[in-house]
C-alpha atoms as a PDB file:
ATOM      1  CA  MET A   1      21.148 -34.196 -11.716  1.00  0.00           C
ATOM      2  CA  PHE A   2      22.210 -32.881  -8.316  1.00  0.00           C
ATOM      3  CA  LEU A   3      20.349 -29.634  -9.014  1.00  0.00           C
ATOM      4  CA  ILE A   4      17.174 -31.677  -9.424  1.00  0.00           C
ATOM      5  CA  TYR A   5      17.816 -33.364  -6.073  1.00  0.00           C
ATOM      6  CA  PHE A   6      18.516 -30.132  -4.231  1.00  0.00           C
ATOM      7  CA  SER A   7      15.466 -28.481  -5.792  1.00  0.00           C
ATOM      8  CA  GLY A   8      13.327 -31.172  -4.143  1.00  0.00           C
ATOM      9  CA  HIS A   9      12.184 -32.879  -7.361  1.00  0.00           C
ATOM     10  CA  MET A  10      14.088 -36.101  -6.648  1.00  0.00           C
ATOM     11  CA  GLY A  11      13.887 -38.268  -3.532  1.00  0.00           C
ATOM     12  CA  SER A  12      16.939 -39.105  -1.444  1.00  0.00           C
ATOM     13  CA  LYS A  13      16.820 -42.735  -2.642  1.00  0.00           C
ATOM     14  CA  CYS A  14      17.505 -41.506  -6.163  1.00  0.00           C
ATOM     15  CA  LEU A  15      20.672 -39.704  -5.073  1.00  0.00           C
ATOM     16  CA  VAL A  16      22.607 -42.963  -4.647  1.00  0.00           C
ATOM     17  CA  THR A  17      21.661 -44.068  -8.160  1.00  0.00           C
ATOM     18  CA  ALA A  18      22.441 -40.629  -9.574  1.00  0.00           C
ATOM     19  CA  THR A  19      25.881 -40.700  -7.947  1.00  0.00           C
ATOM     20  CA  PHE A  20      26.559 -44.198  -9.317  1.00  0.00           C
ATOM     21  CA  VAL A  21      25.531 -43.125 -12.837  1.00  0.00           C
ATOM     22  CA  LYS A  22      27.786 -40.071 -12.614  1.00  0.00           C
ATOM     23  CA  GLU A  23      30.750 -42.227 -11.539  1.00  0.00           C
ATOM     24  CA  VAL A  24      30.176 -44.765 -14.330  1.00  0.00           C
ATOM     25  CA  ASP A  25      29.877 -41.894 -16.829  1.00  0.00           C
ATOM     26  CA  ALA A  26      33.243 -40.565 -15.653  1.00  0.00           C
ATOM     27  CA  LEU A  27      34.807 -44.033 -16.027  1.00  0.00           C
ATOM     28  CA  PHE A  28      33.541 -44.311 -19.587  1.00  0.00           C
ATOM     29  CA  ASP A  29      34.803 -40.791 -20.326  1.00  0.00           C
ATOM     30  CA  ASN A  30      38.298 -41.998 -19.459  1.00  0.00           C
ATOM     31  CA  PHE A  31      38.146 -44.629 -22.164  1.00  0.00           C
ATOM     32  CA  ILE A  32      36.477 -42.811 -25.049  1.00  0.00           C
ATOM     33  CA  GLY A  33      38.989 -40.055 -25.714  1.00  0.00           C
ATOM     34  CA  VAL A  34      38.925 -39.027 -29.358  1.00  0.00           C
ATOM     35  CA  THR A  35      40.695 -35.684 -29.111  1.00  0.00           C
ATOM     36  CA  ARG A  36      44.233 -34.798 -28.148  1.00  0.00           C
ATOM     37  CA  SER A  37      43.170 -32.257 -25.540  1.00  0.00           C
ATOM     38  CA  PRO A  38      40.250 -32.033 -23.099  1.00  0.00           C
ATOM     39  CA  ASP A  39      36.999 -30.475 -24.260  1.00  0.00           C
ATOM     40  CA  ARG A  40      35.392 -27.707 -22.302  1.00  0.00           C
ATOM     41  CA  GLY A  41      33.228 -29.053 -19.501  1.00  0.00           C
ATOM     42  CA  LYS A  42      34.735 -32.543 -19.311  1.00  0.00           C
ATOM     43  CA  ASN A  43      38.438 -33.055 -18.670  1.00  0.00           C
ATOM     44  CA  LEU A  44      38.874 -36.754 -19.318  1.00  0.00           C
ATOM     45  CA  PRO A  45      37.370 -37.775 -22.677  1.00  0.00           C
ATOM     46  CA  CYS A  46      40.654 -37.139 -24.459  1.00  0.00           C
ATOM     47  CA  HIS A  47      43.902 -38.954 -25.133  1.00  0.00           C
ATOM     48  CA  LEU A  48      45.963 -39.958 -22.125  1.00  0.00           C
ATOM     49  CA  THR A  49      49.098 -37.796 -21.871  1.00  0.00           C
ATOM     50  CA  ARG A  50      51.586 -36.802 -19.196  1.00  0.00           C
ATOM     51  CA  ILE A  51      49.521 -33.690 -18.391  1.00  0.00           C
ATOM     52  CA  THR A  52      45.965 -35.059 -18.445  1.00  0.00           C
ATOM     53  CA  LYS A  53      44.257 -36.076 -15.204  1.00  0.00           C
ATOM     54  CA  HIS A  54      43.649 -39.736 -16.146  1.00  0.00           C
ATOM     55  CA  MET A  55      46.190 -41.316 -13.791  1.00  0.00           C
ATOM     56  CA  GLU A  56      45.094 -39.148 -10.867  1.00  0.00           C
ATOM     57  CA  TYR A  57      41.444 -39.944 -11.552  1.00  0.00           C
ATOM     58  CA  TRP A  58      42.095 -43.695 -11.825  1.00  0.00           C
ATOM     59  CA  ARG A  59      43.769 -43.789  -8.409  1.00  0.00           C
ATOM     60  CA  SER A  60      40.568 -42.505  -6.802  1.00  0.00           C
ATOM     61  CA  ALA A  61      38.269 -44.473  -9.140  1.00  0.00           C
ATOM     62  CA  VAL A  62      39.831 -47.797  -8.125  1.00  0.00           C
ATOM     63  CA  ASN A  63      38.840 -47.179  -4.507  1.00  0.00           C
ATOM     64  CA  LYS A  64      35.283 -46.264  -5.517  1.00  0.00           C
ATOM     65  CA  VAL A  65      34.893 -49.326  -7.734  1.00  0.00           C
ATOM     66  CA  LYS A  66      36.309 -51.621  -5.023  1.00  0.00           C
ATOM     67  CA  SER A  67      33.987 -50.193  -2.382  1.00  0.00           C
ATOM     68  CA  ARG A  68      30.765 -50.788  -4.319  1.00  0.00           C
ATOM     69  CA  THR A  69      28.407 -53.357  -2.855  1.00  0.00           C
ATOM     70  CA  PHE A  70      25.666 -54.744  -5.047  1.00  0.00           C
ATOM     71  CA  LEU A  71      22.495 -56.012  -3.406  1.00  0.00           C
ATOM     72  CA  ASN A  72      20.007 -58.649  -4.537  1.00  0.00           C
ATOM     73  CA  ASN A  73      16.213 -58.285  -4.354  1.00  0.00           C
ATOM     74  CA  GLU A  74      16.302 -59.078  -0.620  1.00  0.00           C
ATOM     75  CA  SER A  75      18.901 -56.308  -0.035  1.00  0.00           C
ATOM     76  CA  GLU A  76      21.601 -58.883   0.675  1.00  0.00           C
ATOM     77  CA  PRO A  77      25.142 -58.351  -0.632  1.00  0.00           C
ATOM     78  CA  MET A  78      25.929 -60.245  -3.839  1.00  0.00           C
ATOM     79  CA  HIS A  79      29.219 -61.404  -5.318  1.00  0.00           C
ATOM     80  CA  PRO A  80      30.792 -58.600  -7.327  1.00  0.00           C
ATOM     81  CA  PRO A  81      29.494 -58.596 -10.898  1.00  0.00           C
ATOM     82  CA  PRO A  82      32.023 -59.220 -13.693  1.00  0.00           C
ATOM     83  CA  SER A  83      31.895 -55.568 -14.692  1.00  0.00           C
ATOM     84  CA  GLN A  84      33.263 -54.509 -11.293  1.00  0.00           C
ATOM     85  CA  THR A  85      36.234 -56.858 -11.619  1.00  0.00           C
ATOM     86  CA  GLY A  86      36.598 -55.881 -15.274  1.00  0.00           C
ATOM     87  CA  TRP A  87      36.903 -52.180 -14.466  1.00  0.00           C
ATOM     88  CA  LEU A  88      39.608 -52.870 -11.870  1.00  0.00           C
ATOM     89  CA  ILE A  89      41.581 -55.005 -14.326  1.00  0.00           C
ATOM     90  CA  THR A  90      41.164 -52.464 -17.119  1.00  0.00           C
ATOM     91  CA  ILE A  91      42.281 -49.506 -15.018  1.00  0.00           C
ATOM     92  CA  ASP A  92      45.332 -51.397 -13.754  1.00  0.00           C
ATOM     93  CA  ALA A  93      46.220 -52.649 -17.235  1.00  0.00           C
ATOM     94  CA  VAL A  94      45.933 -49.241 -18.908  1.00  0.00           C
ATOM     95  CA  GLN A  95      48.057 -47.638 -16.195  1.00  0.00           C
ATOM     96  CA  HIS A  96      50.687 -50.341 -16.741  1.00  0.00           C
ATOM     97  CA  VAL A  97      50.600 -49.962 -20.535  1.00  0.00           C
ATOM     98  CA  TRP A  98      50.893 -46.182 -20.256  1.00  0.00           C
ATOM     99  CA  ARG A  99      53.890 -46.386 -17.914  1.00  0.00           C
ATOM    100  CA  LYS A 100      55.621 -48.809 -20.296  1.00  0.00           C
ATOM    101  CA  VAL A 101      54.963 -46.984 -23.566  1.00  0.00           C
ATOM    102  CA  SER A 102      55.565 -43.492 -22.200  1.00  0.00           C
ATOM    103  CA  GLU A 103      58.812 -44.388 -20.417  1.00  0.00           C
ATOM    104  CA  GLU A 104      60.324 -47.062 -22.664  1.00  0.00           C
ATOM    105  CA  ARG A 105      59.003 -45.967 -26.066  1.00  0.00           C
ATOM    106  CA  GLN A 106      58.550 -42.234 -25.412  1.00  0.00           C
ATOM    107  CA  PHE A 107      54.901 -42.216 -26.485  1.00  0.00           C
ATOM    108  CA  THR A 108      53.417 -38.762 -26.022  1.00  0.00           C
ATOM    109  CA  PHE A 109      49.800 -39.925 -25.906  1.00  0.00           C
ATOM    110  CA  LEU A 110      47.628 -43.030 -25.764  1.00  0.00           C
ATOM    111  CA  GLU A 111      44.221 -43.249 -27.419  1.00  0.00           C
ATOM    112  CA  THR A 112      42.278 -44.825 -24.577  1.00  0.00           C
ATOM    113  CA  ARG A 113      39.250 -45.493 -26.760  1.00  0.00           C
ATOM    114  CA  ASN A 114      41.281 -48.165 -28.561  1.00  0.00           C
ATOM    115  CA  VAL A 115      42.388 -49.888 -25.372  1.00  0.00           C
ATOM    116  CA  ASN A 116      39.176 -51.027 -23.705  1.00  0.00           C
ATOM    117  CA  ARG A 117      36.069 -52.153 -25.465  1.00  0.00           C
ATOM    118  CA  ASP A 118      35.646 -55.495 -23.705  1.00  0.00           C
ATOM    119  CA  ALA A 119      33.334 -54.499 -20.855  1.00  0.00           C
ATOM    120  CA  LEU A 120      30.821 -52.729 -23.065  1.00  0.00           C
ATOM    121  CA  GLU A 121      31.070 -55.213 -25.935  1.00  0.00           C
ATOM    122  CA  ASN A 122      30.661 -58.196 -23.601  1.00  0.00           C
ATOM    123  CA  THR A 123      27.619 -56.652 -21.949  1.00  0.00           C
ATOM    124  CA  LEU A 124      25.981 -55.914 -25.292  1.00  0.00           C
ATOM    125  CA  MET A 125      26.881 -59.333 -26.689  1.00  0.00           C
ATOM    126  CA  LEU A 126      25.365 -61.070 -23.655  1.00  0.00           C
ATOM    127  CA  PHE A 127      22.158 -59.115 -24.201  1.00  0.00           C
ATOM    128  CA  VAL A 128      22.085 -59.884 -27.948  1.00  0.00           C
ATOM    129  CA  CYS A 129      22.779 -63.594 -27.368  1.00  0.00           C
ATOM    130  CA  THR A 130      20.031 -63.811 -24.761  1.00  0.00           C
ATOM    131  CA  VAL A 131      17.526 -62.115 -27.077  1.00  0.00           C
ATOM    132  CA  VAL A 132      18.496 -64.288 -30.061  1.00  0.00           C
ATOM    133  CA  GLN A 133      18.318 -67.448 -27.943  1.00  0.00           C
ATOM    134  CA  THR A 134      14.869 -66.482 -26.624  1.00  0.00           C
ATOM    135  CA  ILE A 135      13.548 -65.740 -30.120  1.00  0.00           C
ATOM    136  CA  THR A 136      15.012 -69.023 -31.415  1.00  0.00           C
ATOM    137  CA  HIS A 137      13.273 -70.973 -28.644  1.00  0.00           C
ATOM    138  CA  LEU A 138      10.002 -69.216 -29.382  1.00  0.00           C
ATOM    139  CA  LEU A 139      10.236 -69.880 -33.112  1.00  0.00           C
ATOM    140  CA  ASN A 140      11.170 -73.532 -32.572  1.00  0.00           C
ATOM    141  CA  GLY A 141       8.107 -73.923 -30.381  1.00  0.00           C
ATOM    142  CA  LEU A 142       5.732 -72.815 -33.157  1.00  0.00           C
END
């Protein structure tokens, strides 16, 4: 994505969006780990352990998530969307759970993909409910 920008095929306005997408992708990678060790190319889509970089990444990710400002159509700042608050809560909660289970119960890993599904599921459910409600209204009007 950044190669496209630096090659001149993407405008500077797209760089902000590209950076945001990259950061959100990294956040999701932290919570979809299905393997015990990192894959080549991406370090975080794996189980949380004492040697993985999850905790280090989350410390920096919290600051990025907190600093995001979302703008409305008039380029005015909006209230933070629920997903922004949700990410902050999720990161804090998973860090807390990991500290507890690794220290008190001697867990050697945590499957992060089983910890957080709420943000994605809630977003998809909102979309599905809106679509179903719209179709129901249309059908009732016939």
